[in-house]
Protein backbone atom coordinates (compact mmCIF):
# COMPACT_ATOMS: atom_id res chain seq x y z
CA UNK A 1 0.05 -0.15 0.60
CA UNK A 2 1.07 3.65 -1.08
CA UNK A 3 1.48 6.28 1.53
CA UNK A 4 -1.70 6.68 4.14
CA UNK A 5 -2.99 10.54 4.17
CA UNK A 6 -4.77 11.10 7.05
CA UNK A 7 -7.43 13.88 7.22
CA UNK A 8 -8.64 15.42 10.21
CA UNK A 9 -11.57 18.61 9.80
CA UNK A 10 -12.01 20.70 12.47
CA UNK A 11 -14.65 23.63 14.21
CA UNK A 12 -12.24 26.61 13.48
CA UNK A 13 -8.79 25.16 12.02
CA UNK A 14 -9.68 24.11 8.70
CA UNK A 15 -8.56 20.40 7.94
CA UNK A 16 -5.13 19.49 8.74
CA UNK A 17 -3.17 16.26 6.95
CA UNK A 18 -0.99 13.81 8.05
CA UNK A 19 1.39 11.57 5.73
CA UNK A 20 3.31 9.49 8.69
CA UNK A 21 -0.34 8.21 10.32
CA UNK A 22 -0.12 11.26 12.42
CA UNK A 23 3.02 11.25 14.09
CA UNK A 24 3.88 14.87 12.06
CA UNK A 25 0.98 17.55 10.63
CA UNK A 26 0.62 19.95 7.76
CA UNK A 27 -2.12 22.39 7.34
CA UNK A 28 -2.26 24.13 4.19
CA UNK A 29 -2.01 27.81 4.28
CA UNK A 30 -4.87 30.19 2.97
CA UNK A 31 -3.45 30.77 -0.38
CA UNK A 32 -3.87 26.83 -0.95
CA UNK A 33 -7.56 27.49 -1.90
CA UNK A 34 -9.76 27.61 1.57
CA UNK A 35 -9.61 29.47 4.24
CA UNK A 36 -7.40 28.82 7.04
CA UNK A 37 -9.59 28.89 10.07
CA UNK A 38 -12.25 27.34 7.83
CA UNK A 39 -15.06 25.20 10.26
CA UNK A 40 -15.26 21.61 8.72
CA UNK A 41 -17.98 19.01 9.28
CA UNK A 42 -17.54 16.95 6.93
CA UNK A 43 -15.00 15.03 4.51
CA UNK A 44 -15.19 12.36 2.39
CA UNK A 45 -13.70 10.16 -0.12
CA UNK A 46 -13.88 7.95 -2.66
CA UNK A 47 -11.37 4.40 -3.87
CA UNK A 48 -11.82 5.81 -7.67
CA UNK A 49 -10.25 9.06 -6.81
CA UNK A 50 -7.24 8.65 -5.06
CA UNK A 51 -5.74 11.98 -3.63
CA UNK A 52 -9.10 13.65 -3.27
CA UNK A 53 -10.29 14.50 -0.45
CA UNK A 54 -13.97 16.43 -0.63
CA UNK A 55 -14.91 19.13 2.27
CA UNK A 56 -18.25 20.21 3.78
CA UNK A 57 -17.51 23.85 5.24
CA UNK A 58 -19.50 26.80 6.51
CA UNK A 59 -19.46 28.28 3.04
CA UNK A 60 -20.43 25.25 0.58
CA UNK A 61 -18.39 22.33 -0.11
CA UNK A 62 -14.81 22.12 -1.50
CA UNK A 63 -12.13 19.51 -3.28
CA UNK A 64 -8.61 19.26 -1.95
CA UNK A 65 -5.87 17.82 -4.75
CA UNK A 66 -2.96 15.56 -3.13
CA UNK A 67 -0.74 15.77 -5.71
CA UNK A 68 -1.26 19.90 -5.92
CA UNK A 69 -1.95 20.15 -2.10
CA UNK A 70 -4.48 22.63 -3.13
CA UNK A 71 -8.11 23.06 -2.33
CA UNK A 72 -10.93 23.76 -5.18
CA UNK A 73 -13.98 25.51 -4.59
CA UNK A 74 -17.37 23.62 -6.28
CA UNK A 75 -19.43 26.97 -6.23
CA UNK A 76 -23.54 25.83 -5.55
CA UNK A 77 -26.73 27.58 -3.80
CA UNK A 78 -24.68 25.69 -0.63
CA UNK A 79 -21.78 28.23 -0.74
CA UNK A 80 -24.77 30.01 1.31
CA UNK A 81 -24.92 26.92 4.13
CA UNK A 82 -23.17 24.81 6.25
CA UNK A 83 -22.38 21.62 4.50
CA UNK A 84 -22.54 18.81 7.60
CA UNK A 85 -22.51 15.72 5.57
CA UNK A 86 -21.05 14.14 2.13
CA UNK A 87 -21.18 10.74 0.30
CA UNK A 88 -19.91 9.38 -2.86
CA UNK A 89 -21.93 6.56 -4.36
CA UNK A 90 -19.23 3.74 -4.02
CA UNK A 91 -20.79 2.35 -7.45
CA UNK A 92 -20.36 6.46 -9.21
CA UNK A 93 -18.36 8.08 -7.72
CA UNK A 94 -19.43 11.25 -9.89
CA UNK A 95 -22.57 10.85 -7.67
CA UNK A 96 -22.51 12.70 -4.52
CA UNK A 97 -24.87 14.15 -1.66
CA UNK A 98 -24.58 17.16 0.46
CA UNK A 99 -26.50 17.71 3.57
CA UNK A 100 -26.90 21.20 5.13
CA UNK A 101 -27.82 23.19 7.98
CA UNK A 102 -30.51 24.49 7.55
CA UNK A 103 -31.67 20.87 6.69
CA UNK A 104 -31.64 19.64 3.07
CA UNK A 105 -30.14 17.68 0.58
CA UNK A 106 -28.08 18.29 -2.53
CA UNK A 107 -27.48 16.25 -4.93
CA UNK A 108 -24.76 16.26 -8.20
CA UNK A 109 -24.44 13.59 -10.92
CA UNK A 110 -20.72 15.05 -12.00
CA UNK A 111 -18.67 14.88 -9.64
CA UNK A 112 -20.11 18.48 -7.62
CA UNK A 113 -19.32 20.57 -10.23
CA UNK A 114 -23.14 21.19 -10.42
CA UNK A 115 -25.71 20.51 -7.66
CA UNK A 116 -29.68 20.37 -7.62
CA UNK A 117 -31.17 20.84 -4.07
CA UNK A 118 -34.12 18.47 -3.30
CA UNK A 119 -36.58 21.22 -0.84
CA UNK A 120 -37.27 17.93 1.39
CA UNK A 121 -39.74 18.62 4.04
CA UNK A 122 -37.26 18.74 6.76
CA UNK A 123 -38.35 20.30 10.31
CA UNK A 124 -37.22 23.81 10.49
CA UNK A 125 -37.08 24.60 14.28
CA UNK A 126 -34.81 22.57 16.62
CA UNK A 127 -35.02 23.25 20.88
CA UNK A 128 -30.95 22.44 21.03
CA UNK A 129 -29.10 23.64 18.01
CA UNK A 130 -31.83 25.85 16.61
CA UNK A 131 -31.99 24.95 12.92
CA UNK A 132 -31.81 20.95 12.46
CA UNK A 133 -29.22 19.62 9.72
CA UNK A 134 -28.37 16.65 8.24
CA UNK A 135 -25.70 14.82 10.52
CA UNK A 136 -25.14 12.10 7.83
CA UNK A 137 -25.99 10.80 4.48
CA UNK A 138 -25.07 7.07 3.71
CA UNK A 139 -25.13 4.26 0.67
CA UNK A 140 -26.42 1.61 1.30
CA UNK A 141 -23.41 -1.16 0.83
CA UNK A 142 -26.37 -3.72 0.03
CA UNK A 143 -29.35 -2.62 -1.66
CA UNK A 144 -28.82 -0.88 -4.95
CA UNK A 145 -30.49 2.60 -4.88
CA UNK A 146 -30.77 2.78 -1.45
CA UNK A 147 -29.69 5.45 0.67
CA UNK A 148 -30.39 6.69 4.32
CA UNK A 149 -29.83 9.96 6.07
CA UNK A 150 -29.81 11.40 9.49
CA UNK A 151 -31.80 14.90 10.68
CA UNK A 152 -30.98 16.22 13.64
CA UNK A 153 -33.52 16.72 14.79
CA UNK A 154 -36.10 15.07 12.40
CA UNK A 155 -35.18 11.01 12.45
CA UNK A 156 -34.15 8.93 9.99
CA UNK A 157 -34.92 9.00 6.10
CA UNK A 158 -34.36 6.84 2.90
CA UNK A 159 -34.08 7.08 -0.47
CA UNK A 160 -34.73 3.94 -2.94
CA UNK A 161 -33.87 5.71 -6.21
CA UNK A 162 -29.89 7.05 -5.30
CA UNK A 163 -31.04 10.00 -3.39
CA UNK A 164 -33.62 11.74 -5.91
CA UNK A 165 -36.78 11.10 -3.56
CA UNK A 166 -37.22 10.11 0.02
CA UNK A 167 -39.15 8.67 3.08
CA UNK A 168 -39.33 9.74 6.74
CA UNK A 169 -38.85 6.36 8.77
CA UNK A 170 -39.33 6.70 12.56
CA UNK A 171 -41.38 4.20 14.15
CA UNK A 172 -40.01 3.30 17.51
CA UNK A 173 -37.41 5.89 17.30
CA UNK A 174 -37.03 7.02 21.50
CA UNK A 175 -35.45 10.26 19.82
CA UNK A 176 -35.54 12.10 16.26
CA UNK A 177 -32.24 13.38 17.19
CA UNK A 178 -30.24 11.31 15.01
CA UNK A 179 -26.20 11.39 14.95
CA UNK A 180 -25.06 8.62 12.61
CA UNK A 181 -25.98 5.51 10.55
CA UNK A 182 -24.61 1.99 9.46
CA UNK A 183 -26.14 -0.80 8.01
CA UNK A 184 -24.47 -4.22 9.18
CA UNK A 185 -23.37 -7.20 7.39
CA UNK A 186 -25.72 -9.95 8.48
CA UNK A 187 -28.46 -11.40 6.35
CA UNK A 188 -30.99 -9.54 7.73
CA UNK A 189 -28.95 -6.21 6.80
CA UNK A 190 -29.87 -4.74 10.25
CA UNK A 191 -29.84 -0.91 9.86
CA UNK A 192 -28.40 1.04 13.19
CA UNK A 193 -29.20 4.63 14.05
CA UNK A 194 -27.22 6.49 16.78
CA UNK A 195 -29.12 9.36 18.96
CA UNK A 196 -28.76 11.52 21.69
CA UNK A 197 -30.53 9.33 23.86
CA UNK A 198 -28.94 6.23 22.96
CA UNK A 199 -28.56 3.52 19.90
CA UNK A 200 -31.28 1.82 17.80
CA UNK A 201 -31.56 -0.92 15.43
CA UNK A 202 -33.71 -1.44 12.63
CA UNK A 203 -33.89 -5.41 10.94
CA UNK A 204 -36.87 -4.24 8.66
CA UNK A 205 -35.39 -1.43 6.27
CA UNK A 206 -36.12 1.55 8.83
CA UNK A 207 -39.77 0.31 8.98
CA UNK A 208 -39.38 -0.01 12.59
CA UNK A 209 -36.72 0.85 14.71
CA UNK A 210 -36.26 -0.93 18.17
CA UNK A 211 -33.49 0.73 21.29
CA UNK A 212 -30.30 -0.90 22.16
CA UNK A 213 -30.10 -0.73 25.69
CA UNK A 214 -25.75 -0.03 26.03
CA UNK A 215 -24.51 -1.87 29.06
CA UNK A 216 -22.33 2.01 29.91
CA UNK A 217 -23.22 4.24 32.27
CA UNK A 218 -24.22 6.33 29.11
CA UNK A 219 -26.50 5.95 26.23
CA UNK A 220 -25.86 8.80 24.18
CA UNK A 221 -24.07 7.37 20.92
CA UNK A 222 -22.71 9.53 17.89
CA UNK A 223 -20.74 7.66 15.01
CA UNK A 224 -21.76 3.83 14.15
CA UNK A 225 -18.77 2.25 11.51
CA UNK A 226 -18.63 -0.77 9.84
CA UNK A 227 -14.93 -1.78 10.05
CA UNK A 228 -13.70 -1.70 6.73
CA UNK A 229 -12.84 -5.71 5.75
CA UNK A 230 -14.28 -6.86 8.90
CA UNK A 231 -17.85 -7.59 7.79
CA UNK A 232 -19.08 -8.63 11.33
CA UNK A 233 -17.35 -5.65 13.08
CA UNK A 234 -18.50 -1.84 13.74
CA UNK A 235 -17.27 0.56 15.99
CA UNK A 236 -19.64 3.31 18.26
CA UNK A 237 -18.68 6.11 19.64
CA UNK A 238 -20.48 7.05 23.14
CA UNK A 239 -20.11 9.24 26.21
CA UNK A 240 -21.77 11.42 28.79
CA UNK A 241 -23.13 14.14 26.17
CA UNK A 242 -21.81 16.75 23.19
CA UNK A 243 -19.18 17.48 23.90
CA UNK A 244 -19.21 15.32 27.15
CA UNK A 245 -15.82 15.34 29.44
CA UNK A 246 -15.39 11.77 28.98
CA UNK A 247 -16.62 8.39 27.11
CA UNK A 248 -15.53 5.54 25.50
CA UNK A 249 -15.43 3.38 21.72
CA UNK A 250 -16.86 0.55 21.67
CA UNK A 251 -16.43 -2.55 19.49
CA UNK A 252 -19.48 -5.63 18.13
CA UNK A 253 -18.16 -8.32 16.60
CA UNK A 254 -21.26 -10.07 16.03
CA UNK A 255 -22.89 -6.85 13.44
CA UNK A 256 -24.31 -5.19 16.41
CA UNK A 257 -25.95 -7.61 18.73
CA UNK A 258 -23.64 -6.66 21.19
CA UNK A 259 -21.12 -5.16 22.13
CA UNK A 260 -17.50 -4.43 24.18
CA UNK A 261 -15.10 -1.76 25.25
CA UNK A 262 -12.67 -1.40 23.07
CA UNK A 263 -10.39 0.21 25.79
CA UNK A 264 -9.01 3.39 24.26
CA UNK A 265 -5.38 4.17 26.78
CA UNK A 266 -5.82 6.72 29.11
CA UNK A 267 -9.43 8.94 29.85
CA UNK A 268 -10.62 10.61 27.17
CA UNK A 269 -11.09 14.35 27.50
CA UNK A 270 -14.54 14.07 25.26
CA UNK A 271 -17.24 11.81 24.22
CA UNK A 272 -15.61 10.01 20.90
CA UNK A 273 -16.74 11.41 18.16
CA UNK A 274 -15.60 9.93 14.35
CA UNK A 275 -14.09 6.77 13.06
CA UNK A 276 -11.73 6.36 10.40
CA UNK A 277 -11.61 2.83 8.45
CA UNK A 278 -10.21 2.38 5.11
CA UNK A 279 -10.61 -0.89 2.76
CA UNK A 280 -7.53 -0.44 1.71
CA UNK A 281 -5.33 -1.66 5.16
CA UNK A 282 -8.19 -2.90 7.64
CA UNK A 283 -6.08 -3.21 10.23
CA UNK A 284 -5.43 0.37 10.30
CA UNK A 285 -7.88 2.60 12.00
CA UNK A 286 -8.19 6.10 13.65
CA UNK A 287 -10.75 7.42 16.36
CA UNK A 288 -11.53 11.43 17.26
CA UNK A 289 -12.71 12.46 20.44
CA UNK A 290 -14.99 15.54 19.67
CA UNK A 291 -12.22 18.15 21.68
CA UNK A 292 -9.42 16.67 19.83
CA UNK A 293 -7.94 13.76 20.98
CA UNK A 294 -6.55 11.31 18.57
CA UNK A 295 -5.97 7.66 18.77
CA UNK A 296 -4.06 5.45 16.24
CA UNK A 297 -4.71 1.03 16.13
CA UNK A 298 -2.44 -0.56 13.29
CA UNK A 299 -3.48 -4.05 14.25
CA UNK A 300 -7.16 -4.05 13.78
CA UNK A 301 -8.32 -2.34 17.03
CA UNK A 302 -7.08 -4.98 19.30
CA UNK A 303 -4.41 -2.13 20.93
CA UNK A 304 -4.47 1.41 20.25
CA UNK A 305 -2.17 4.89 21.06
CA UNK A 306 -3.01 7.78 21.66
CA UNK A 307 -0.77 10.49 19.50
CA UNK A 308 0.66 13.22 20.64
CA UNK A 309 -0.94 15.85 18.77
CA UNK A 310 -4.27 17.21 19.87
CA UNK A 311 -6.63 19.35 18.28
CA UNK A 312 -9.71 21.64 19.09
CA UNK A 313 -12.92 20.48 18.02
CA UNK A 314 -12.95 17.88 16.00
CA UNK A 315 -15.81 16.96 13.47
CA UNK A 316 -14.52 14.37 10.89
CA UNK A 317 -11.88 12.34 10.34
CA UNK A 318 -10.70 10.18 6.97
CA UNK A 319 -8.04 8.24 5.78
CA UNK A 320 -6.73 7.32 2.33
CA UNK A 321 -3.95 5.54 0.34
CA UNK A 322 -2.17 8.03 -1.96
């Protein structure tokens, strides 16, 4: 495998890059094309787009070219919105979806050159963050054409036509404050959704949800991520709130039926927030807490090392071979 490019999106310090597994870091200055103190909410990569990274920011979508070490702005109506989520179709790297605050979904069929707003009937108000936002968009890895979206605060939504039309799927959710989504690789294709009040699972493609109580001091959950290359393994971030003052990373080796502590070393300074896994090297994993701690595993999560470098507020991480 070629050198991994690790990317960390922050709320106020743009995107930081490491080419040595998180030992040293570089942040291109504003002349690279992205304001040095940008708030970056989402990052997205694709195996057919090596060296390219897409970022959702407070002023639209940007594309990074690692060979040029430069950012390109992709103009759209999202330039006046915060882009909180990005997803690229596994089957077609030119098909992209972006979720915004105020909550809406935009669709591109040309790699982000042009975008169409879908004007979906999402909620307009939220008691927690004032204006709802689309926190995650996920192309279903097992059902062609299916896409999932989580809205804070307006539940889970599903599309059966690659994101053209959507329907709401909230029956059984204890909370519609949805943070993250994943599809477990089992025969029933269970869908998992994280919320401020806990983990939920659906065994019928979102028609009904059941609450999954965790063996943890807290039920607040944020990201749920399948381990690339290990179909029965998922990771779940869990803590005592946003940003929280402590938390843990949980792991399941049975498609989410049970969870155990992955045992990050030391004490986290906030809730673990996001996870980076890539099929190019299933043994290499990264986890970041909301308030900037970074952890690395090079043995498929059997052991973890806390990296020396800490950031401010981290919102997204990703790694890709370049």
